[in-house]
Amino acid sequence: GVNSIGLKRRGFTIDKINHILDIYRTIYNKGLN
């Protein structure tokens, strides 16, 4: 998963964290190489 707690502590916005989540869903959750 994404290090969302650490990112919140360092001032990342919810929108940025969700953007990072979407990136890693593409990398890891869609069956792609």
ModelCIF file with pLDDT and N, C-alpha, C, O atoms, coordinates in Angstrom:
data_MODEL
#
_entry.id   MODEL 
#
_entity.id                         1 
_entity.type                       polymer 
_entity.pdbx_number_of_molecules   1 
#
_entity_poly.entity_id                      1 
_entity_poly.type                           'polypeptide(L)' 
_entity_poly.nstd_linkage                   no 
_entity_poly.nstd_monomer                   no 
_entity_poly.pdbx_seq_one_letter_code       GVNSIGLKRRGFTIDKINHILDIYRTIYNKGLN 
_entity_poly.pdbx_seq_one_letter_code_can   GVNSIGLKRRGFTIDKINHILDIYRTIYNKGLN 
_entity_poly.pdbx_strand_id                 A 
#
loop_
_entity_poly_seq.entity_id 
_entity_poly_seq.num 
_entity_poly_seq.mon_id 
_entity_poly_seq.hetero 
1 1  GLY n 
1 2  VAL n 
1 3  ASN n 
1 4  SER n 
1 5  ILE n 
1 6  GLY n 
1 7  LEU n 
1 8  LYS n 
1 9  ARG n 
1 10 ARG n 
1 11 GLY n 
1 12 PHE n 
1 13 THR n 
1 14 ILE n 
1 15 ASP n 
1 16 LYS n 
1 17 ILE n 
1 18 ASN n 
1 19 HIS n 
1 20 ILE n 
1 21 LEU n 
1 22 ASP n 
1 23 ILE n 
1 24 TYR n 
1 25 ARG n 
1 26 THR n 
1 27 ILE n 
1 28 TYR n 
1 29 ASN n 
1 30 LYS n 
1 31 GLY n 
1 32 LEU n 
1 33 ASN n 
#
_struct_asym.id          A 
_struct_asym.entity_id   1 
#
loop_
_ma_qa_metric.id 
_ma_qa_metric.mode 
_ma_qa_metric.name 
_ma_qa_metric.software_group_id 
_ma_qa_metric.type 
1 global pLDDT . pLDDT 
2 local  pLDDT . pLDDT 
#
_ma_qa_metric_global.metric_id      1 
_ma_qa_metric_global.metric_value   95.88 
_ma_qa_metric_global.model_id       1 
_ma_qa_metric_global.ordinal_id     1 
#
loop_
_ma_qa_metric_local.label_asym_id 
_ma_qa_metric_local.label_comp_id 
_ma_qa_metric_local.label_seq_id 
_ma_qa_metric_local.metric_id 
_ma_qa_metric_local.metric_value 
_ma_qa_metric_local.model_id 
_ma_qa_metric_local.ordinal_id 
A GLY 1  2 96.00 1 1  
A VAL 2  2 97.00 1 2  
A ASN 3  2 97.00 1 3  
A SER 4  2 96.00 1 4  
A ILE 5  2 95.00 1 5  
A GLY 6  2 96.00 1 6  
A LEU 7  2 97.00 1 7  
A LYS 8  2 97.00 1 8  
A ARG 9  2 96.00 1 9  
A ARG 10 2 96.00 1 10 
A GLY 11 2 97.00 1 11 
A PHE 12 2 97.00 1 12 
A THR 13 2 96.00 1 13 
A ILE 14 2 96.00 1 14 
A ASP 15 2 96.00 1 15 
A LYS 16 2 97.00 1 16 
A ILE 17 2 97.00 1 17 
A ASN 18 2 97.00 1 18 
A HIS 19 2 97.00 1 19 
A ILE 20 2 97.00 1 20 
A LEU 21 2 97.00 1 21 
A ASP 22 2 97.00 1 22 
A ILE 23 2 97.00 1 23 
A TYR 24 2 97.00 1 24 
A ARG 25 2 96.00 1 25 
A THR 26 2 96.00 1 26 
A ILE 27 2 96.00 1 27 
A TYR 28 2 95.00 1 28 
A ASN 29 2 93.00 1 29 
A LYS 30 2 92.00 1 30 
A GLY 31 2 91.00 1 31 
A LEU 32 2 93.00 1 32 
A ASN 33 2 94.00 1 33 
#
loop_
_atom_site.group_PDB 
_atom_site.id 
_atom_site.type_symbol 
_atom_site.label_atom_id 
_atom_site.label_alt_id 
_atom_site.label_comp_id 
_atom_site.label_asym_id 
_atom_site.label_entity_id 
_atom_site.label_seq_id 
_atom_site.pdbx_PDB_ins_code 
_atom_site.Cartn_x 
_atom_site.Cartn_y 
_atom_site.Cartn_z 
_atom_site.occupancy 
_atom_site.B_iso_or_equiv 
_atom_site.pdbx_formal_charge 
_atom_site.auth_seq_id 
_atom_site.auth_comp_id 
_atom_site.auth_asym_id 
_atom_site.auth_atom_id 
_atom_site.pdbx_PDB_model_num 
ATOM 1   N N  . GLY A 1 1  ? 0.812  -1.214 0.000   1.00 96.00 ? 1  GLY A N  1 
ATOM 2   C CA . GLY A 1 1  ? 0.000  0.000  0.000   1.00 96.00 ? 1  GLY A CA 1 
ATOM 3   C C  . GLY A 1 1  ? 0.843  1.259  0.000   1.00 96.00 ? 1  GLY A C  1 
ATOM 4   O O  . GLY A 1 1  ? 2.067  1.210  0.117   1.00 96.00 ? 1  GLY A O  1 
ATOM 5   N N  . VAL A 1 2  ? 0.169  2.381  -0.133  1.00 97.00 ? 2  VAL A N  1 
ATOM 6   C CA . VAL A 1 2  ? 0.824  3.697  -0.111  1.00 97.00 ? 2  VAL A CA 1 
ATOM 7   C C  . VAL A 1 2  ? 1.043  4.114  1.340   1.00 97.00 ? 2  VAL A C  1 
ATOM 8   O O  . VAL A 1 2  ? 0.213  3.835  2.206   1.00 97.00 ? 2  VAL A O  1 
ATOM 9   N N  . ASN A 1 3  ? 2.155  4.777  1.598   1.00 97.00 ? 3  ASN A N  1 
ATOM 10  C CA . ASN A 1 3  ? 2.494  5.227  2.955   1.00 97.00 ? 3  ASN A CA 1 
ATOM 11  C C  . ASN A 1 3  ? 1.687  6.485  3.294   1.00 97.00 ? 3  ASN A C  1 
ATOM 12  O O  . ASN A 1 3  ? 2.255  7.557  3.503   1.00 97.00 ? 3  ASN A O  1 
ATOM 13  N N  . SER A 1 4  ? 0.373  6.345  3.344   1.00 96.00 ? 4  SER A N  1 
ATOM 14  C CA . SER A 1 4  ? -0.513 7.502  3.469   1.00 96.00 ? 4  SER A CA 1 
ATOM 15  C C  . SER A 1 4  ? -0.345 8.216  4.803   1.00 96.00 ? 4  SER A C  1 
ATOM 16  O O  . SER A 1 4  ? -0.423 9.443  4.850   1.00 96.00 ? 4  SER A O  1 
ATOM 17  N N  . ILE A 1 5  ? -0.116 7.479  5.890   1.00 95.00 ? 5  ILE A N  1 
ATOM 18  C CA . ILE A 1 5  ? 0.052  8.121  7.192   1.00 95.00 ? 5  ILE A CA 1 
ATOM 19  C C  . ILE A 1 5  ? 1.304  8.988  7.192   1.00 95.00 ? 5  ILE A C  1 
ATOM 20  O O  . ILE A 1 5  ? 1.273  10.134 7.639   1.00 95.00 ? 5  ILE A O  1 
ATOM 21  N N  . GLY A 1 6  ? 2.416  8.431  6.685   1.00 96.00 ? 6  GLY A N  1 
ATOM 22  C CA . GLY A 1 6  ? 3.649  9.206  6.608   1.00 96.00 ? 6  GLY A CA 1 
ATOM 23  C C  . GLY A 1 6  ? 3.492  10.436 5.725   1.00 96.00 ? 6  GLY A C  1 
ATOM 24  O O  . GLY A 1 6  ? 4.011  11.505 6.048   1.00 96.00 ? 6  GLY A O  1 
ATOM 25  N N  . LEU A 1 7  ? 2.774  10.290 4.607   1.00 97.00 ? 7  LEU A N  1 
ATOM 26  C CA . LEU A 1 7  ? 2.593  11.418 3.698   1.00 97.00 ? 7  LEU A CA 1 
ATOM 27  C C  . LEU A 1 7  ? 1.731  12.511 4.342   1.00 97.00 ? 7  LEU A C  1 
ATOM 28  O O  . LEU A 1 7  ? 2.015  13.697 4.174   1.00 97.00 ? 7  LEU A O  1 
ATOM 29  N N  . LYS A 1 8  ? 0.688  12.125 5.072   1.00 97.00 ? 8  LYS A N  1 
ATOM 30  C CA . LYS A 1 8  ? -0.131 13.117 5.778   1.00 97.00 ? 8  LYS A CA 1 
ATOM 31  C C  . LYS A 1 8  ? 0.707  13.887 6.790   1.00 97.00 ? 8  LYS A C  1 
ATOM 32  O O  . LYS A 1 8  ? 0.581  15.105 6.916   1.00 97.00 ? 8  LYS A O  1 
ATOM 33  N N  . ARG A 1 9  ? 1.563  13.165 7.510   1.00 96.00 ? 9  ARG A N  1 
ATOM 34  C CA . ARG A 1 9  ? 2.404  13.825 8.509   1.00 96.00 ? 9  ARG A CA 1 
ATOM 35  C C  . ARG A 1 9  ? 3.339  14.842 7.873   1.00 96.00 ? 9  ARG A C  1 
ATOM 36  O O  . ARG A 1 9  ? 3.733  15.816 8.515   1.00 96.00 ? 9  ARG A O  1 
ATOM 37  N N  . ARG A 1 10 ? 3.692  14.619 6.623   1.00 96.00 ? 10 ARG A N  1 
ATOM 38  C CA . ARG A 1 10 ? 4.631  15.530 5.954   1.00 96.00 ? 10 ARG A CA 1 
ATOM 39  C C  . ARG A 1 10 ? 3.930  16.579 5.105   1.00 96.00 ? 10 ARG A C  1 
ATOM 40  O O  . ARG A 1 10 ? 4.573  17.278 4.322   1.00 96.00 ? 10 ARG A O  1 
ATOM 41  N N  . GLY A 1 11 ? 2.624  16.692 5.255   1.00 97.00 ? 11 GLY A N  1 
ATOM 42  C CA . GLY A 1 11 ? 1.908  17.786 4.618   1.00 97.00 ? 11 GLY A CA 1 
ATOM 43  C C  . GLY A 1 11 ? 1.351  17.512 3.245   1.00 97.00 ? 11 GLY A C  1 
ATOM 44  O O  . GLY A 1 11 ? 0.893  18.443 2.582   1.00 97.00 ? 11 GLY A O  1 
ATOM 45  N N  . PHE A 1 12 ? 1.370  16.270 2.785   1.00 97.00 ? 12 PHE A N  1 
ATOM 46  C CA . PHE A 1 12 ? 0.762  15.951 1.500   1.00 97.00 ? 12 PHE A CA 1 
ATOM 47  C C  . PHE A 1 12 ? -0.759 16.094 1.606   1.00 97.00 ? 12 PHE A C  1 
ATOM 48  O O  . PHE A 1 12 ? -1.356 15.650 2.586   1.00 97.00 ? 12 PHE A O  1 
ATOM 49  N N  . THR A 1 13 ? -1.381 16.708 0.605   1.00 96.00 ? 13 THR A N  1 
ATOM 50  C CA . THR A 1 13 ? -2.828 16.865 0.605   1.00 96.00 ? 13 THR A CA 1 
ATOM 51  C C  . THR A 1 13 ? -3.507 15.527 0.294   1.00 96.00 ? 13 THR A C  1 
ATOM 52  O O  . THR A 1 13 ? -2.890 14.606 -0.242  1.00 96.00 ? 13 THR A O  1 
ATOM 53  N N  . ILE A 1 14 ? -4.792 15.449 0.644   1.00 96.00 ? 14 ILE A N  1 
ATOM 54  C CA . ILE A 1 14 ? -5.558 14.239 0.336   1.00 96.00 ? 14 ILE A CA 1 
ATOM 55  C C  . ILE A 1 14 ? -5.599 13.996 -1.172  1.00 96.00 ? 14 ILE A C  1 
ATOM 56  O O  . ILE A 1 14 ? -5.511 12.853 -1.620  1.00 96.00 ? 14 ILE A O  1 
ATOM 57  N N  . ASP A 1 15 ? -5.733 15.063 -1.951  1.00 96.00 ? 15 ASP A N  1 
ATOM 58  C CA . ASP A 1 15 ? -5.757 14.909 -3.416  1.00 96.00 ? 15 ASP A CA 1 
ATOM 59  C C  . ASP A 1 15 ? -4.450 14.308 -3.934  1.00 96.00 ? 15 ASP A C  1 
ATOM 60  O O  . ASP A 1 15 ? -4.468 13.437 -4.804  1.00 96.00 ? 15 ASP A O  1 
ATOM 61  N N  . LYS A 1 16 ? -3.299 14.780 -3.393  1.00 97.00 ? 16 LYS A N  1 
ATOM 62  C CA . LYS A 1 16 ? -2.023 14.219 -3.839  1.00 97.00 ? 16 LYS A CA 1 
ATOM 63  C C  . LYS A 1 16 ? -1.891 12.751 -3.447  1.00 97.00 ? 16 LYS A C  1 
ATOM 64  O O  . LYS A 1 16 ? -1.411 11.926 -4.225  1.00 97.00 ? 16 LYS A O  1 
ATOM 65  N N  . ILE A 1 17 ? -2.329 12.441 -2.223  1.00 97.00 ? 17 ILE A N  1 
ATOM 66  C CA . ILE A 1 17 ? -2.241 11.041 -1.772  1.00 97.00 ? 17 ILE A CA 1 
ATOM 67  C C  . ILE A 1 17 ? -3.127 10.150 -2.640  1.00 97.00 ? 17 ILE A C  1 
ATOM 68  O O  . ILE A 1 17 ? -2.720 9.049  -3.013  1.00 97.00 ? 17 ILE A O  1 
ATOM 69  N N  . ASN A 1 18 ? -4.326 10.610 -2.963  1.00 97.00 ? 18 ASN A N  1 
ATOM 70  C CA . ASN A 1 18 ? -5.208 9.823  -3.827  1.00 97.00 ? 18 ASN A CA 1 
ATOM 71  C C  . ASN A 1 18 ? -4.629 9.673  -5.234  1.00 97.00 ? 18 ASN A C  1 
ATOM 72  O O  . ASN A 1 18 ? -4.790 8.629  -5.866  1.00 97.00 ? 18 ASN A O  1 
ATOM 73  N N  . HIS A 1 19 ? -3.959 10.713 -5.719  1.00 97.00 ? 19 HIS A N  1 
ATOM 74  C CA . HIS A 1 19 ? -3.285 10.629 -7.019  1.00 97.00 ? 19 HIS A CA 1 
ATOM 75  C C  . HIS A 1 19 ? -2.208 9.541  -6.983  1.00 97.00 ? 19 HIS A C  1 
ATOM 76  O O  . HIS A 1 19 ? -2.102 8.744  -7.915  1.00 97.00 ? 19 HIS A O  1 
ATOM 77  N N  . ILE A 1 20 ? -1.408 9.504  -5.910  1.00 97.00 ? 20 ILE A N  1 
ATOM 78  C CA . ILE A 1 20 ? -0.375 8.468  -5.755  1.00 97.00 ? 20 ILE A CA 1 
ATOM 79  C C  . ILE A 1 20 ? -1.018 7.093  -5.662  1.00 97.00 ? 20 ILE A C  1 
ATOM 80  O O  . ILE A 1 20 ? -0.509 6.131  -6.237  1.00 97.00 ? 20 ILE A O  1 
ATOM 81  N N  . LEU A 1 21 ? -2.143 6.988  -4.935  1.00 97.00 ? 21 LEU A N  1 
ATOM 82  C CA . LEU A 1 21 ? -2.870 5.713  -4.847  1.00 97.00 ? 21 LEU A CA 1 
ATOM 83  C C  . LEU A 1 21 ? -3.305 5.231  -6.225  1.00 97.00 ? 21 LEU A C  1 
ATOM 84  O O  . LEU A 1 21 ? -3.166 4.049  -6.538  1.00 97.00 ? 21 LEU A O  1 
ATOM 85  N N  . ASP A 1 22 ? -3.828 6.133  -7.048  1.00 97.00 ? 22 ASP A N  1 
ATOM 86  C CA . ASP A 1 22 ? -4.263 5.754  -8.397  1.00 97.00 ? 22 ASP A CA 1 
ATOM 87  C C  . ASP A 1 22 ? -3.089 5.248  -9.233  1.00 97.00 ? 22 ASP A C  1 
ATOM 88  O O  . ASP A 1 22 ? -3.230 4.300  -10.005 1.00 97.00 ? 22 ASP A O  1 
ATOM 89  N N  . ILE A 1 23 ? -1.928 5.891  -9.071  1.00 97.00 ? 23 ILE A N  1 
ATOM 90  C CA . ILE A 1 23 ? -0.743 5.445  -9.805  1.00 97.00 ? 23 ILE A CA 1 
ATOM 91  C C  . ILE A 1 23 ? -0.386 4.017  -9.420  1.00 97.00 ? 23 ILE A C  1 
ATOM 92  O O  . ILE A 1 23 ? -0.138 3.178  -10.286 1.00 97.00 ? 23 ILE A O  1 
ATOM 93  N N  . TYR A 1 24 ? -0.360 3.744  -8.128  1.00 97.00 ? 24 TYR A N  1 
ATOM 94  C CA . TYR A 1 24 ? 0.054  2.409  -7.700  1.00 97.00 ? 24 TYR A CA 1 
ATOM 95  C C  . TYR A 1 24 ? -1.025 1.356  -7.934  1.00 97.00 ? 24 TYR A C  1 
ATOM 96  O O  . TYR A 1 24 ? -0.706 0.173  -8.053  1.00 97.00 ? 24 TYR A O  1 
ATOM 97  N N  . ARG A 1 25 ? -2.297 1.757  -8.002  1.00 96.00 ? 25 ARG A N  1 
ATOM 98  C CA . ARG A 1 25 ? -3.331 0.795  -8.425  1.00 96.00 ? 25 ARG A CA 1 
ATOM 99  C C  . ARG A 1 25 ? -3.073 0.339  -9.856  1.00 96.00 ? 25 ARG A C  1 
ATOM 100 O O  . ARG A 1 25 ? -3.268 -0.829 -10.193 1.00 96.00 ? 25 ARG A O  1 
ATOM 101 N N  . THR A 1 26 ? -2.634 1.272  -10.688 1.00 96.00 ? 26 THR A N  1 
ATOM 102 C CA . THR A 1 26 ? -2.309 0.923  -12.076 1.00 96.00 ? 26 THR A CA 1 
ATOM 103 C C  . THR A 1 26 ? -1.107 -0.012 -12.143 1.00 96.00 ? 26 THR A C  1 
ATOM 104 O O  . THR A 1 26 ? -1.088 -0.957 -12.933 1.00 96.00 ? 26 THR A O  1 
ATOM 105 N N  . ILE A 1 27 ? -0.113 0.255  -11.315 1.00 96.00 ? 27 ILE A N  1 
ATOM 106 C CA . ILE A 1 27 ? 1.110  -0.560 -11.350 1.00 96.00 ? 27 ILE A CA 1 
ATOM 107 C C  . ILE A 1 27 ? 0.864  -1.958 -10.791 1.00 96.00 ? 27 ILE A C  1 
ATOM 108 O O  . ILE A 1 27 ? 1.354  -2.945 -11.340 1.00 96.00 ? 27 ILE A O  1 
ATOM 109 N N  . TYR A 1 28 ? 0.104  -2.041 -9.698  1.00 95.00 ? 28 TYR A N  1 
ATOM 110 C CA . TYR A 1 28 ? 0.046  -3.304 -8.947  1.00 95.00 ? 28 TYR A CA 1 
ATOM 111 C C  . TYR A 1 28 ? -1.295 -4.036 -8.991  1.00 95.00 ? 28 TYR A C  1 
ATOM 112 O O  . TYR A 1 28 ? -1.331 -5.234 -8.712  1.00 95.00 ? 28 TYR A O  1 
ATOM 113 N N  . ASN A 1 29 ? -2.400 -3.363 -9.331  1.00 93.00 ? 29 ASN A N  1 
ATOM 114 C CA . ASN A 1 29 ? -3.711 -3.997 -9.150  1.00 93.00 ? 29 ASN A CA 1 
ATOM 115 C C  . ASN A 1 29 ? -4.429 -4.374 -10.441 1.00 93.00 ? 29 ASN A C  1 
ATOM 116 O O  . ASN A 1 29 ? -5.523 -4.935 -10.387 1.00 93.00 ? 29 ASN A O  1 
ATOM 117 N N  . LYS A 1 30 ? -3.847 -4.083 -11.590 1.00 92.00 ? 30 LYS A N  1 
ATOM 118 C CA . LYS A 1 30 ? -4.576 -4.277 -12.843 1.00 92.00 ? 30 LYS A CA 1 
ATOM 119 C C  . LYS A 1 30 ? -4.024 -5.414 -13.697 1.00 92.00 ? 30 LYS A C  1 
ATOM 120 O O  . LYS A 1 30 ? -4.403 -5.564 -14.859 1.00 92.00 ? 30 LYS A O  1 
ATOM 121 N N  . GLY A 1 31 ? -3.133 -6.210 -13.121 1.00 91.00 ? 31 GLY A N  1 
ATOM 122 C CA . GLY A 1 31 ? -2.619 -7.365 -13.854 1.00 91.00 ? 31 GLY A CA 1 
ATOM 123 C C  . GLY A 1 31 ? -1.673 -7.020 -14.978 1.00 91.00 ? 31 GLY A C  1 
ATOM 124 O O  . GLY A 1 31 ? -1.463 -7.831 -15.880 1.00 91.00 ? 31 GLY A O  1 
ATOM 125 N N  . LEU A 1 32 ? -1.094 -5.827 -14.944 1.00 93.00 ? 32 LEU A N  1 
ATOM 126 C CA . LEU A 1 32 ? -0.166 -5.412 -15.987 1.00 93.00 ? 32 LEU A CA 1 
ATOM 127 C C  . LEU A 1 32 ? 1.270  -5.735 -15.597 1.00 93.00 ? 32 LEU A C  1 
ATOM 128 O O  . LEU A 1 32 ? 1.593  -5.794 -14.411 1.00 93.00 ? 32 LEU A O  1 
ATOM 129 N N  . ASN A 1 33 ? 2.129  -5.944 -16.582 1.00 94.00 ? 33 ASN A N  1 
ATOM 130 C CA . ASN A 1 33 ? 3.545  -5.988 -16.244 1.00 94.00 ? 33 ASN A CA 1 
ATOM 131 C C  . ASN A 1 33 ? 4.047  -4.558 -16.068 1.00 94.00 ? 33 ASN A C  1 
ATOM 132 O O  . ASN A 1 33 ? 5.224  -4.348 -15.777 1.00 94.00 ? 33 ASN A O  1 
#
